[in-house]
Every structure is written in C-alpha cells, then in structure tokens.
Protein backbone atom coordinates (compact mmCIF):
# COMPACT_ATOMS: atom_id res chain seq x y z
CA MET A 1 15.62 -3.27 -4.99
CA THR A 2 14.27 -6.61 -6.16
CA ALA A 3 14.65 -8.11 -2.70
CA ALA A 4 12.72 -5.18 -1.15
CA LEU A 5 9.89 -5.70 -3.68
CA GLY A 6 9.84 -9.42 -2.94
CA LEU A 7 9.69 -8.89 0.81
CA ALA A 8 6.96 -6.25 0.45
CA ASN A 9 4.94 -8.63 -1.65
CA VAL A 10 5.29 -11.43 0.93
CA VAL A 11 4.09 -9.08 3.67
CA ALA A 12 1.22 -7.53 1.66
CA THR A 13 -0.18 -10.69 0.01
CA PRO A 14 -2.26 -11.93 3.01
CA TRP A 15 -3.88 -8.53 3.47
CA ARG A 16 -4.56 -8.15 -0.23
CA SER A 17 -6.07 -11.63 -0.34
CA ARG A 18 -8.36 -10.96 2.59
CA LEU A 19 -9.56 -7.73 1.07
CA ILE A 20 -10.24 -9.49 -2.26
CA ASP A 21 -12.18 -12.24 -0.49
CA ARG A 22 -14.22 -9.70 1.45
CA PHE A 23 -14.91 -7.00 -1.19
CA GLY A 24 -14.31 -8.64 -4.56
CA GLN A 25 -11.44 -8.69 -7.01
CA LEU A 26 -12.50 -5.81 -9.22
CA ARG A 27 -13.12 -3.35 -6.41
CA VAL A 28 -9.93 -4.13 -4.48
CA LEU A 29 -7.54 -4.32 -7.45
CA SER A 30 -8.97 -1.14 -8.99
CA THR A 31 -8.44 0.69 -5.70
CA LEU A 32 -4.95 -0.69 -5.25
CA GLY A 33 -4.05 0.26 -8.84
CA ALA A 34 -5.27 3.82 -8.31
CA ALA A 35 -3.39 4.09 -4.99
CA HIS A 36 -0.24 2.79 -6.65
CA ALA A 37 -0.53 5.35 -9.47
CA ALA A 38 -1.14 8.15 -6.98
CA SER A 39 1.87 7.12 -4.92
CA LEU A 40 4.09 7.14 -8.01
CA VAL A 41 2.90 10.66 -8.88
CA ALA A 42 3.54 11.78 -5.29
CA LEU A 43 7.08 10.35 -5.38
CA ALA A 44 7.75 11.99 -8.72
CA LEU A 45 6.66 15.34 -7.33
CA MET A 46 9.05 15.05 -4.36
CA PRO A 47 12.47 14.38 -5.93
CA THR A 48 14.39 16.11 -3.14
CA ALA A 49 12.36 14.82 -0.19
CA SER A 50 14.05 13.06 2.70
CA LEU A 51 13.82 9.32 3.13
CA ALA A 52 11.49 9.78 6.15
CA ALA A 53 9.05 11.80 3.98
CA LEU A 54 9.10 9.18 1.24
CA VAL A 55 8.44 6.38 3.78
CA ALA A 56 5.55 8.41 5.24
CA VAL A 57 3.95 8.60 1.78
CA GLY A 58 3.99 4.82 1.44
CA ASP A 59 3.25 3.75 5.00
CA PRO A 60 -0.40 3.90 6.14
CA ARG A 61 0.66 3.78 9.78
CA ALA A 62 2.49 7.06 9.32
CA ARG A 63 -0.84 8.64 8.31
CA GLY A 64 -2.62 7.29 11.40
CA GLY A 65 -4.09 4.17 9.76
CA SER A 66 -3.45 0.51 10.19
CA VAL A 67 -3.60 -2.01 7.41
CA SER A 68 -4.36 -4.94 9.71
CA THR A 69 -7.46 -3.34 11.30
CA ARG A 70 -9.04 -2.86 7.87
CA CYS A 71 -8.77 -6.56 7.09
CA ARG A 72 -10.28 -8.04 10.23
CA LYS A 73 -13.68 -9.61 9.99
CA LYS A 74 -16.34 -8.04 12.18
C-alpha cells in the first residue's frame, strides 16, 4: 500500500505543481482536498463494489476526462 501511494505521488506531483503555478496554491489545494474527501466518502459507500468500479471512481480517464489536458498551457 505504501509503495502504491508513493508511485501515485510521483505520477501526480508534476500535474499538481502545474495547476498550483497556474491557478494558485489555495484554489488548487482546496479543490484537491475536497475531491479527496468526496472520493473517500464514495469508497466508504461502496464496500462491496468490484475493483473495476473502485478504479473508475478514482480515475478521471474512466469518466471521460484527461488530467494532462487540463494542465497544458494555452
């Protein structure tokens, strides 16, 4: 579990940093904190869900979005 968290942090840090540079620390970290809390609530409400459903809750690409396109400068 710790290794998965470490790898996820390595992957997410560049995107998080770009968003903070572009929109400001307070706005980005507040949004990320709220999204994290909402995802924990969603996971708690789905204790018998399949692994695929749990991954879909946490993966923006599964909902039709892309993290990398939100971070690109225009």
